[in-house]
Amino acid sequence: MWRRIVNVAAGACLAVGAILQWLGLRKRRDPWRAAAGINLRVESAKFTLTAFGLGGGKHAPVDFAVKLREFLAGEKLMYVAVENRRSCTKAVPLRCVDITLAEYAETGELLEIEPVLDPKNAPEIDAAGRGKVHRALLRAINSTQLVPVLERPDEILRIVGSGCDERNAVVYAKRLLQGAFLAFDRNGDRFAPPDPAIFRHPGTGLLNFTVRSQADGSTDLWMQVHHMPVDGAPMQELLDRLRARFGVVGEVRFPAPGETRKTNGPRLRGERDLVIETGSFDFTGLLELRKKLNEKYRGVLSEGVAIGALLAWRLAHQCGFEGINFAIVADVPKGVADPRGVDFVVIRPGEYFRGGSEDAGFVVYANEFSRRLALVRARQSRTIRTMKKTALLPAGIAFLGTKLNAGVRERVFGTCGITILKSAEIFLAPMARVGFERGFLAIGNMRLPSQDGGHVGEVSIKGEANAIAGYLDALRKALIAE
């Protein structure tokens, strides 16, 4: 019943919205950013990228924060935060780039903060007043550790405002909450993701950094990113520039194939109960198979085999992945009237199986994937058409429609996501507010040097524990080329 009511309301709103946009009475919204504002606004939707072995010598925490802030201040992408509204999250522009250095206890309690502010934008509050705000923020942040991300920033500001009578106290506190946070982690496991229950951004800032100092004087940086305003590809390009600025100490060797790790997500009211599993895998066989298939079917394939397409094909033959409708993330370049964005090549490999050998039906599948990828690049895919319609709806109705129409969501957006960033090291997957019930896989560079002298790629899988159980073993089997 509710689904029918929502669908009728959505149809009426869609018609009105289309007319208003055609008349020029409503501003056109970027479809992908509108969808992100509805479905990528929660804690689990954030993704993480890494930069291991950064040089520059051993840094005191404040010195590192200063150096990092100076770099970020030169990046246009950094002048943005988010604003949580009732039904959607919006990007808001910032005048400055700030970093708050944070120290956490093992329990997740925030012990101390030390802001590193943009020197071009002095706060309109004196040093004594700032100190009072810092203490008020500590109390507010610690009393809201388990509050969901959509409610926490406003609750923190309410507590600060009620307990701090300094003029401009809330304005200053909001500025800190809109900036980046940075903490040093003493966990000795270099390649284990930072504990998300401890190192959690309390506000609406774009970035949350966790840093580990290494014995050789290098620094490992884990950069968690709010997915609503920005996407993985441009943020990885930013990290590549950061790595060039800081330099790299020696060669970082990643764990040998077979090593895996499991991390529980923070337990937050109203959010999905997720785990993230990471592991090191040997992609040599898959890369060689791709080369072999390109040579074997030269002149028959419309274009070379995409590595994401081949991976989905191989996974679809494994136990646990049968019949899955995959969504392979594609970076969509900037267009004449559209900003750079993201879309999905949604395809069910099992529909193309023909029996016999494992690559029977592969040519038809690969050519269909290429056709759908071309539609994505031209902004004509079924997913982008759906997002364009969604962008015309009120955010609350758009979210309910997405949530209640599970069958449509599965056909249009798939149920298992795959995203690949070819120059990333460790790439921790995002997870939408609804959808992708079969998990999300994130993969970085498939030729990272490993501790056994070979090469590996780091993989992360995020999802409900029962949904992704056995995925790492299935992936390992899928990567063995026969």
Protein backbone atom coordinates (compact mmCIF):
# COMPACT_ATOMS: atom_id res chain seq x y z
CA MET A 1 0.00 0.00 0.00
CA TRP A 2 2.69 2.47 1.03
CA ARG A 3 4.65 1.70 -2.11
CA ARG A 4 1.63 2.53 -4.28
CA ILE A 5 1.00 5.78 -2.43
CA VAL A 6 4.64 6.84 -2.77
CA ASN A 7 4.71 5.88 -6.45
CA VAL A 8 1.57 7.93 -7.19
CA ALA A 9 3.01 10.91 -5.31
CA ALA A 10 6.33 10.50 -7.15
CA GLY A 11 4.56 10.42 -10.52
CA ALA A 12 2.71 13.65 -9.77
CA CYS A 13 5.83 15.39 -8.49
CA LEU A 14 7.82 14.19 -11.49
CA ALA A 15 5.31 15.72 -13.90
CA VAL A 16 5.26 19.03 -12.04
CA GLY A 17 9.04 19.10 -11.70
CA ALA A 18 9.57 18.41 -15.40
CA ILE A 19 7.20 21.22 -16.38
CA LEU A 20 8.84 23.70 -14.00
CA GLN A 21 12.29 22.80 -15.30
CA TRP A 22 11.13 23.12 -18.92
CA LEU A 23 9.70 26.57 -18.16
CA GLY A 24 12.98 27.60 -16.56
CA LEU A 25 11.32 28.03 -13.15
CA ARG A 26 13.39 25.30 -11.56
CA LYS A 27 17.15 25.00 -11.70
CA ARG A 28 18.49 21.81 -13.24
CA ARG A 29 20.26 19.61 -10.69
CA ASP A 30 23.19 17.35 -11.40
CA PRO A 31 21.59 13.86 -11.32
CA TRP A 32 24.52 12.09 -9.69
CA ARG A 33 25.05 14.69 -6.97
CA ALA A 34 21.31 14.75 -6.28
CA ALA A 35 21.33 10.96 -5.88
CA ALA A 36 24.42 11.17 -3.67
CA GLY A 37 22.70 13.74 -1.47
CA ILE A 38 19.91 11.25 -0.82
CA ASN A 39 21.68 7.89 -0.63
CA LEU A 40 25.32 8.66 0.24
CA ARG A 41 24.77 10.82 3.31
CA VAL A 42 25.44 8.33 6.12
CA GLU A 43 28.62 7.14 7.84
CA SER A 44 28.82 3.90 5.88
CA ALA A 45 28.77 5.80 2.57
CA LYS A 46 32.15 7.39 3.26
CA PHE A 47 35.12 5.82 1.48
CA THR A 48 38.81 5.74 2.40
CA LEU A 49 42.01 6.03 0.36
CA THR A 50 45.60 5.70 1.54
CA ALA A 51 49.06 7.12 0.95
CA PHE A 52 51.73 4.90 2.52
CA GLY A 53 55.35 5.77 3.21
CA LEU A 54 55.09 9.55 2.90
CA GLY A 55 58.45 11.27 3.35
CA GLY A 56 59.60 14.51 4.90
CA GLY A 57 61.14 13.07 8.05
CA LYS A 58 59.53 12.42 11.39
CA HIS A 59 56.89 15.01 12.18
CA ALA A 60 55.44 16.24 15.41
CA PRO A 61 51.65 15.93 15.06
CA VAL A 62 51.15 19.70 14.80
CA ASP A 63 53.92 20.07 12.21
CA PHE A 64 52.38 17.34 10.08
CA ALA A 65 48.94 18.96 10.37
CA VAL A 66 50.39 22.32 9.30
CA LYS A 67 52.13 20.80 6.29
CA LEU A 68 49.01 18.87 5.28
CA ARG A 69 46.77 21.94 5.67
CA GLU A 70 49.09 23.98 3.45
CA PHE A 71 48.83 21.36 0.74
CA LEU A 72 45.05 21.07 0.98
CA ALA A 73 44.66 24.85 0.84
CA GLY A 74 45.92 24.70 -2.76
CA GLU A 75 43.26 22.18 -3.81
CA LYS A 76 39.95 23.58 -5.12
CA LEU A 77 38.05 20.46 -4.04
CA MET A 78 38.78 21.21 -0.40
CA TYR A 79 36.66 24.33 -0.11
CA VAL A 80 33.49 22.43 0.62
CA ALA A 81 31.63 20.81 3.51
CA VAL A 82 28.17 19.28 3.79
CA GLU A 83 24.94 20.37 5.39
CA ASN A 84 22.46 17.76 6.57
CA ARG A 85 18.84 18.63 5.96
CA ARG A 86 15.81 16.58 6.85
CA SER A 87 15.68 14.48 3.68
CA CYS A 88 18.95 15.19 1.89
CA THR A 89 22.52 16.39 2.31
CA LYS A 90 23.81 19.40 0.40
CA ALA A 91 27.31 20.60 -0.39
CA VAL A 92 28.14 24.03 1.05
CA PRO A 93 31.11 26.20 0.00
CA LEU A 94 33.82 27.16 2.49
CA ARG A 95 36.04 30.22 2.61
CA CYS A 96 38.99 28.44 4.22
CA VAL A 97 40.66 25.09 4.82
CA ASP A 98 41.15 24.10 8.46
CA ILE A 99 42.38 20.95 10.19
CA THR A 100 41.62 20.00 13.77
CA LEU A 101 44.24 17.77 15.35
CA ALA A 102 42.44 15.27 17.59
CA GLU A 103 43.69 12.83 20.22
CA TYR A 104 41.50 9.85 21.06
CA ALA A 105 41.58 7.29 23.85
CA GLU A 106 41.26 3.59 23.00
CA THR A 107 37.63 3.80 24.07
CA GLY A 108 36.93 6.39 21.38
CA GLU A 109 36.75 9.26 23.86
CA LEU A 110 38.15 12.51 22.48
CA LEU A 111 40.86 13.71 24.86
CA GLU A 112 42.13 16.88 23.22
CA ILE A 113 41.77 19.01 20.11
CA GLU A 114 44.19 21.51 18.62
CA PRO A 115 42.90 23.44 15.59
CA VAL A 116 45.29 24.35 12.78
CA LEU A 117 43.41 27.21 11.18
CA ASP A 118 43.73 28.92 7.82
CA PRO A 119 45.93 31.96 8.66
CA LYS A 120 44.09 34.07 6.07
CA ASN A 121 40.81 33.74 8.00
CA ALA A 122 41.26 34.56 11.68
CA PRO A 123 38.31 33.51 13.89
CA GLU A 124 36.19 36.27 15.39
CA ILE A 125 36.77 35.04 18.93
CA ASP A 126 39.76 35.58 21.22
CA ALA A 127 42.14 32.91 22.53
CA ALA A 128 40.37 32.56 25.87
CA GLY A 129 37.04 32.19 24.14
CA ARG A 130 38.45 29.58 21.76
CA GLY A 131 39.70 27.59 24.73
CA LYS A 132 36.22 27.54 26.25
CA VAL A 133 34.76 26.40 22.93
CA HIS A 134 37.35 23.62 22.69
CA ARG A 135 36.38 22.31 26.13
CA ALA A 136 32.70 22.56 25.28
CA LEU A 137 33.32 20.66 22.04
CA LEU A 138 35.10 17.86 23.91
CA ARG A 139 32.10 17.42 26.18
CA ALA A 140 29.63 17.58 23.30
CA ILE A 141 31.56 15.22 21.02
CA ASN A 142 32.06 12.64 23.77
CA SER A 143 28.42 12.71 24.78
CA THR A 144 27.30 12.02 21.19
CA GLN A 145 29.63 9.18 20.22
CA LEU A 146 26.79 6.87 19.17
CA VAL A 147 24.53 9.51 17.62
CA PRO A 148 24.00 9.00 13.86
CA VAL A 149 25.92 11.26 11.51
CA LEU A 150 22.76 12.97 10.25
CA GLU A 151 21.93 14.21 13.76
CA ARG A 152 25.28 14.50 15.52
CA PRO A 153 26.63 17.85 14.20
CA ASP A 154 23.46 19.76 15.11
CA GLU A 155 23.35 18.09 18.52
CA ILE A 156 27.00 19.03 19.16
CA LEU A 157 26.33 22.66 18.25
CA ARG A 158 23.23 22.70 20.45
CA ILE A 159 25.27 21.46 23.43
CA VAL A 160 28.05 23.98 22.77
CA GLY A 161 25.55 26.82 22.45
CA SER A 162 23.75 25.91 25.67
CA GLY A 163 26.93 25.60 27.71
CA CYS A 164 29.15 28.34 26.27
CA ASP A 165 28.05 31.98 26.42
CA GLU A 166 31.02 33.34 24.46
CA ARG A 167 30.10 35.58 21.54
CA ASN A 168 30.57 33.73 18.24
CA ALA A 169 31.12 30.44 20.12
CA VAL A 170 28.73 28.46 17.92
CA VAL A 171 30.11 30.08 14.75
CA TYR A 172 33.63 29.06 15.73
CA ALA A 173 32.54 25.53 16.75
CA LYS A 174 30.74 25.11 13.43
CA ARG A 175 33.86 26.19 11.56
CA LEU A 176 35.86 23.44 13.26
CA LEU A 177 33.16 20.85 12.56
CA GLN A 178 33.18 21.85 8.86
CA GLY A 179 36.93 21.37 8.56
CA ALA A 180 39.04 18.22 8.39
CA PHE A 181 39.94 16.17 11.45
CA LEU A 182 43.30 14.45 11.87
CA ALA A 183 44.37 11.88 14.46
CA PHE A 184 47.47 9.76 15.05
CA ASP A 185 46.84 6.04 15.50
CA ARG A 186 49.24 3.91 17.55
CA ASN A 187 47.95 0.61 16.14
CA GLY A 188 50.98 -1.42 15.15
CA ASP A 189 49.23 -3.27 12.31
CA ARG A 190 50.26 -1.06 9.41
CA PHE A 191 47.73 -2.33 6.90
CA ALA A 192 44.69 -2.71 9.17
CA PRO A 193 41.97 -0.08 8.62
CA PRO A 194 41.65 2.43 11.48
CA ASP A 195 38.91 1.54 13.94
CA PRO A 196 35.82 3.38 12.61
CA ALA A 197 34.26 3.47 16.08
CA ILE A 198 37.21 5.52 17.38
CA PHE A 199 38.39 7.64 14.46
CA ARG A 200 35.08 9.16 13.47
CA HIS A 201 34.62 12.70 12.19
CA PRO A 202 32.14 14.41 14.54
CA GLY A 203 30.99 17.09 12.11
CA THR A 204 30.21 17.87 8.49
CA GLY A 205 33.73 18.16 7.09
CA LEU A 206 34.81 16.53 3.85
CA LEU A 207 37.88 14.71 5.16
CA ASN A 208 38.89 12.66 8.19
CA PHE A 209 42.57 11.66 8.38
CA THR A 210 44.14 8.90 10.44
CA VAL A 211 47.94 8.84 10.50
CA ARG A 212 50.47 6.21 11.57
CA SER A 213 54.14 7.04 11.99
CA GLN A 214 56.60 4.35 10.93
CA ALA A 215 60.02 3.46 12.33
CA ASP A 216 61.82 4.55 9.15
CA GLY A 217 60.54 8.10 9.56
CA SER A 218 57.79 7.75 6.98
CA THR A 219 54.11 8.38 7.54
CA ASP A 220 51.07 6.37 6.45
CA LEU A 221 47.96 8.41 5.73
CA TRP A 222 44.39 7.06 5.70
CA MET A 223 41.99 9.61 4.19
CA GLN A 224 38.28 9.06 4.79
CA VAL A 225 36.07 11.07 2.43
CA HIS A 226 32.44 12.13 2.65
CA HIS A 227 31.02 10.79 -0.62
CA MET A 228 28.24 13.34 -1.13
CA PRO A 229 30.30 16.23 -2.60
CA VAL A 230 33.15 14.28 -4.26
CA ASP A 231 34.00 10.91 -5.79
CA GLY A 232 36.84 8.43 -5.62
CA ALA A 233 38.71 9.22 -8.86
CA PRO A 234 39.32 12.96 -8.23
CA MET A 235 40.23 12.27 -4.60
CA GLN A 236 42.75 9.63 -5.64
CA GLU A 237 44.25 12.15 -8.06
CA LEU A 238 44.52 14.57 -5.13
CA LEU A 239 46.36 11.90 -3.11
CA ASP A 240 48.73 11.31 -6.03
CA ARG A 241 49.59 15.03 -5.94
CA LEU A 242 50.04 14.87 -2.17
CA ARG A 243 52.40 11.93 -2.56
CA ALA A 244 54.43 13.91 -5.11
CA ARG A 245 54.59 16.90 -2.72
CA PHE A 246 55.61 14.90 0.37
CA GLY A 247 57.76 12.32 -1.40
CA VAL A 248 57.92 8.61 -0.56
CA VAL A 249 60.47 6.81 1.65
CA GLY A 250 61.78 3.67 -0.02
CA GLU A 251 59.36 1.07 -1.37
CA VAL A 252 56.30 0.03 0.60
CA ARG A 253 55.69 -3.72 0.35
CA PHE A 254 52.14 -4.85 0.95
CA PRO A 255 51.10 -8.13 2.61
CA ALA A 256 51.52 -11.31 0.59
CA PRO A 257 48.43 -12.86 -1.03
CA GLY A 258 46.13 -14.59 1.43
CA GLU A 259 46.34 -12.16 4.34
CA THR A 260 42.91 -10.87 5.30
CA ARG A 261 41.43 -8.55 7.94
CA LYS A 262 37.93 -7.88 9.26
CA THR A 263 36.63 -4.63 10.77
CA ASN A 264 33.21 -3.90 12.21
CA GLY A 265 31.56 -0.62 11.31
CA PRO A 266 30.30 1.70 14.06
CA ARG A 267 26.93 0.66 15.49
CA LEU A 268 24.78 3.72 14.86
CA ARG A 269 21.02 4.02 15.28
CA GLY A 270 19.17 3.93 11.97
CA GLU A 271 22.20 2.84 9.92
CA ARG A 272 23.03 -0.54 8.41
CA ASP A 273 25.00 -3.01 10.51
CA LEU A 274 28.03 -3.51 8.26
CA VAL A 275 31.43 -5.14 8.28
CA ILE A 276 34.38 -4.47 6.03
CA GLU A 277 36.71 -7.27 5.00
CA THR A 278 40.06 -6.51 3.38
CA GLY A 279 42.69 -8.72 1.85
CA SER A 280 45.69 -8.98 -0.43
CA PHE A 281 45.20 -10.85 -3.71
CA ASP A 282 47.33 -11.91 -6.63
CA PHE A 283 45.76 -10.43 -9.78
CA THR A 284 48.46 -11.76 -12.13
CA GLY A 285 46.24 -14.53 -13.48
CA LEU A 286 43.33 -12.16 -14.17
CA LEU A 287 45.56 -9.64 -15.93
CA GLU A 288 47.13 -12.38 -18.06
CA LEU A 289 43.69 -13.79 -18.87
CA ARG A 290 42.54 -10.37 -20.01
CA LYS A 291 45.53 -10.14 -22.36
CA LYS A 292 44.86 -13.65 -23.65
CA LEU A 293 41.17 -12.96 -24.32
CA ASN A 294 41.94 -9.70 -26.11
CA GLU A 295 44.31 -11.57 -28.41
CA LYS A 296 41.98 -14.55 -28.87
CA TYR A 297 38.97 -12.45 -29.82
CA ARG A 298 40.71 -9.65 -31.68
CA GLY A 299 38.44 -8.42 -34.44
CA VAL A 300 35.40 -9.89 -32.69
CA LEU A 301 35.35 -7.70 -29.59
CA SER A 302 34.12 -4.16 -30.18
CA GLU A 303 36.88 -2.90 -27.84
CA GLY A 304 39.34 -4.34 -25.35
CA VAL A 305 38.01 -6.22 -22.33
CA ALA A 306 37.49 -3.94 -19.34
CA ILE A 307 39.09 -5.38 -16.21
CA GLY A 308 35.92 -4.73 -14.20
CA ALA A 309 33.84 -6.61 -16.78
CA LEU A 310 36.20 -9.59 -16.68
CA LEU A 311 36.23 -9.65 -12.89
CA ALA A 312 32.41 -9.63 -12.75
CA TRP A 313 32.33 -12.45 -15.32
CA ARG A 314 34.72 -14.58 -13.28
CA LEU A 315 32.95 -13.84 -10.00
CA ALA A 316 29.58 -14.78 -11.48
CA HIS A 317 30.88 -18.35 -11.88
CA GLN A 318 31.68 -18.63 -8.17
CA CYS A 319 29.53 -19.89 -5.32
CA GLY A 320 27.77 -16.96 -3.66
CA PHE A 321 27.77 -14.77 -6.77
CA GLU A 322 25.41 -16.76 -8.99
CA GLY A 323 22.85 -14.64 -10.80
CA ILE A 324 24.03 -11.35 -9.29
CA ASN A 325 23.31 -8.13 -11.15
CA PHE A 326 26.63 -6.28 -10.89
CA ALA A 327 27.11 -2.51 -10.95
CA ILE A 328 30.61 -1.59 -12.13
CA VAL A 329 31.45 2.01 -11.30
CA ALA A 330 32.54 4.24 -14.18
CA ASP A 331 34.12 7.69 -13.93
CA VAL A 332 32.18 9.96 -16.29
CA PRO A 333 34.25 12.86 -17.70
CA LYS A 334 33.06 16.43 -17.55
CA GLY A 335 30.64 17.33 -20.34
CA VAL A 336 29.57 20.57 -21.97
CA ALA A 337 26.82 21.20 -19.42
CA ASP A 338 27.60 18.49 -16.86
CA PRO A 339 30.33 18.22 -14.22
CA ARG A 340 32.50 15.16 -13.81
CA GLY A 341 30.53 12.40 -12.15
CA VAL A 342 29.87 8.72 -11.64
CA ASP A 343 27.60 6.17 -13.28
CA PHE A 344 27.30 2.39 -13.29
CA VAL A 345 27.54 -0.26 -15.96
CA VAL A 346 24.84 -2.60 -14.65
CA ILE A 347 24.94 -6.11 -16.05
CA ARG A 348 24.09 -9.68 -15.04
CA PRO A 349 26.84 -11.94 -16.44
CA GLY A 350 24.80 -15.09 -15.83
CA GLU A 351 22.40 -14.09 -18.59
CA TYR A 352 25.21 -14.67 -21.11
CA PHE A 353 26.45 -18.06 -19.91
CA ARG A 354 26.23 -20.62 -22.69
CA GLY A 355 27.54 -23.76 -21.00
CA GLY A 356 30.61 -25.67 -22.06
CA SER A 357 33.82 -23.80 -21.34
CA GLU A 358 33.84 -20.91 -18.88
CA ASP A 359 34.33 -18.34 -21.64
CA ALA A 360 31.39 -19.61 -23.69
CA GLY A 361 29.16 -16.61 -24.25
CA PHE A 362 31.93 -14.25 -23.17
CA VAL A 363 32.19 -12.37 -26.46
CA VAL A 364 28.48 -11.50 -26.43
CA TYR A 365 28.79 -10.44 -22.78
CA ALA A 366 31.92 -8.33 -23.36
CA ASN A 367 30.42 -6.54 -26.35
CA GLU A 368 27.23 -5.84 -24.43
CA PHE A 369 29.30 -4.46 -21.56
CA SER A 370 31.14 -2.18 -24.01
CA ARG A 371 27.81 -1.00 -25.44
CA ARG A 372 26.50 -0.14 -21.99
CA LEU A 373 29.78 1.56 -21.10
CA ALA A 374 29.43 3.76 -24.20
CA LEU A 375 25.96 4.76 -23.01
CA VAL A 376 27.42 5.65 -19.61
CA ARG A 377 30.08 7.85 -21.21
CA ALA A 378 27.39 9.55 -23.32
CA ARG A 379 25.19 10.03 -20.23
CA GLN A 380 22.42 7.94 -21.77
CA SER A 381 22.41 4.86 -19.53
CA ARG A 382 19.31 3.61 -17.77
CA THR A 383 20.85 4.54 -14.40
CA ILE A 384 21.49 8.17 -15.39
CA ARG A 385 17.99 8.45 -16.88
CA THR A 386 16.58 7.20 -13.59
CA MET A 387 18.73 9.61 -11.59
CA LYS A 388 17.56 12.50 -13.79
CA LYS A 389 13.98 11.66 -12.89
CA THR A 390 14.88 11.28 -9.22
CA ALA A 391 16.51 14.73 -9.25
CA LEU A 392 13.13 16.25 -10.15
CA LEU A 393 11.47 14.82 -7.03
CA PRO A 394 11.39 16.15 -3.48
CA ALA A 395 14.23 14.40 -1.65
CA GLY A 396 11.98 12.63 0.84
CA ILE A 397 9.79 11.09 -1.84
CA ALA A 398 12.84 10.20 -3.94
CA PHE A 399 14.37 8.30 -1.02
CA LEU A 400 11.16 6.48 -0.13
CA GLY A 401 10.67 5.55 -3.77
CA THR A 402 14.19 4.14 -3.92
CA LYS A 403 13.75 2.26 -0.67
CA LEU A 404 10.31 0.77 -1.34
CA ASN A 405 10.80 -0.23 -5.00
CA ALA A 406 13.36 -2.95 -4.40
CA GLY A 407 12.74 -4.69 -7.71
CA VAL A 408 13.28 -1.54 -9.77
CA ARG A 409 16.34 -0.66 -7.69
CA GLU A 410 17.85 -4.09 -8.32
CA ARG A 411 17.30 -3.91 -12.09
CA VAL A 412 18.52 -0.33 -12.51
CA PHE A 413 21.35 -0.13 -9.97
CA GLY A 414 22.28 -3.75 -9.35
CA THR A 415 22.84 -5.44 -6.00
CA CYS A 416 26.63 -5.86 -5.90
CA GLY A 417 28.97 -2.98 -6.68
CA ILE A 418 32.52 -3.10 -8.01
CA THR A 419 34.74 -0.01 -8.08
CA ILE A 420 38.36 0.06 -9.24
CA LEU A 421 40.87 2.91 -8.85
CA LYS A 422 43.96 1.88 -10.76
CA SER A 423 46.46 4.04 -8.82
CA ALA A 424 45.01 3.51 -5.33
CA GLU A 425 46.75 1.49 -2.64
CA ILE A 426 44.10 0.46 -0.10
CA PHE A 427 40.62 1.60 -1.10
CA LEU A 428 37.93 1.03 1.54
CA ALA A 429 34.55 0.65 -0.12
CA PRO A 430 31.55 2.92 0.40
CA MET A 431 28.05 1.62 1.02
CA ALA A 432 24.82 3.41 0.17
CA ARG A 433 22.03 4.09 2.64
CA VAL A 434 19.81 1.59 0.78
CA GLY A 435 20.60 -0.83 -2.01
CA PHE A 436 23.62 -3.00 -2.88
CA GLU A 437 22.30 -5.76 -0.64
CA ARG A 438 25.01 -8.11 -1.91
CA GLY A 439 27.87 -5.83 -0.89
CA PHE A 440 30.35 -3.48 -2.50
CA LEU A 441 33.89 -4.36 -3.62
CA ALA A 442 36.65 -1.74 -3.92
CA ILE A 443 39.98 -2.52 -5.59
CA GLY A 444 43.09 -0.44 -6.09
CA ASN A 445 46.32 -0.92 -8.01
CA MET A 446 46.62 -4.59 -8.98
CA ARG A 447 50.42 -4.44 -9.25
CA LEU A 448 51.52 -3.30 -5.79
CA PRO A 449 54.85 -4.79 -4.63
CA SER A 450 54.27 -7.49 -2.03
CA GLN A 451 56.31 -8.81 0.86
CA ASP A 452 56.87 -12.15 -0.89
CA GLY A 453 58.56 -10.47 -3.86
CA GLY A 454 55.55 -10.63 -6.14
CA HIS A 455 52.66 -8.26 -6.75
CA VAL A 456 49.26 -7.90 -5.14
CA GLY A 457 46.14 -5.80 -5.24
CA GLU A 458 44.34 -4.74 -2.07
CA VAL A 459 40.61 -5.49 -1.97
CA SER A 460 37.93 -4.34 0.45
CA ILE A 461 34.38 -5.63 0.65
CA LYS A 462 31.69 -3.84 2.64
CA GLY A 463 28.26 -5.25 3.41
CA GLU A 464 26.11 -7.09 5.92
CA ALA A 465 28.12 -9.95 7.43
CA ASN A 466 25.80 -12.71 6.20
CA ALA A 467 25.64 -11.21 2.69
CA ILE A 468 29.38 -11.11 2.07
CA ALA A 469 30.38 -14.26 3.95
CA GLY A 470 32.68 -16.29 1.73
CA TYR A 471 33.32 -13.46 -0.74
CA LEU A 472 37.06 -13.37 -0.12
CA ASP A 473 37.39 -17.09 -0.87
CA ALA A 474 35.21 -16.75 -3.96
CA LEU A 475 37.34 -13.85 -5.18
CA ARG A 476 40.51 -15.85 -4.67
CA LYS A 477 39.10 -18.65 -6.84
CA ALA A 478 37.89 -16.19 -9.46
CA LEU A 479 41.42 -14.81 -9.85
CA ILE A 480 42.92 -18.18 -10.71
CA ALA A 481 43.06 -18.28 -14.51
CA GLU A 482 42.87 -21.78 -15.97
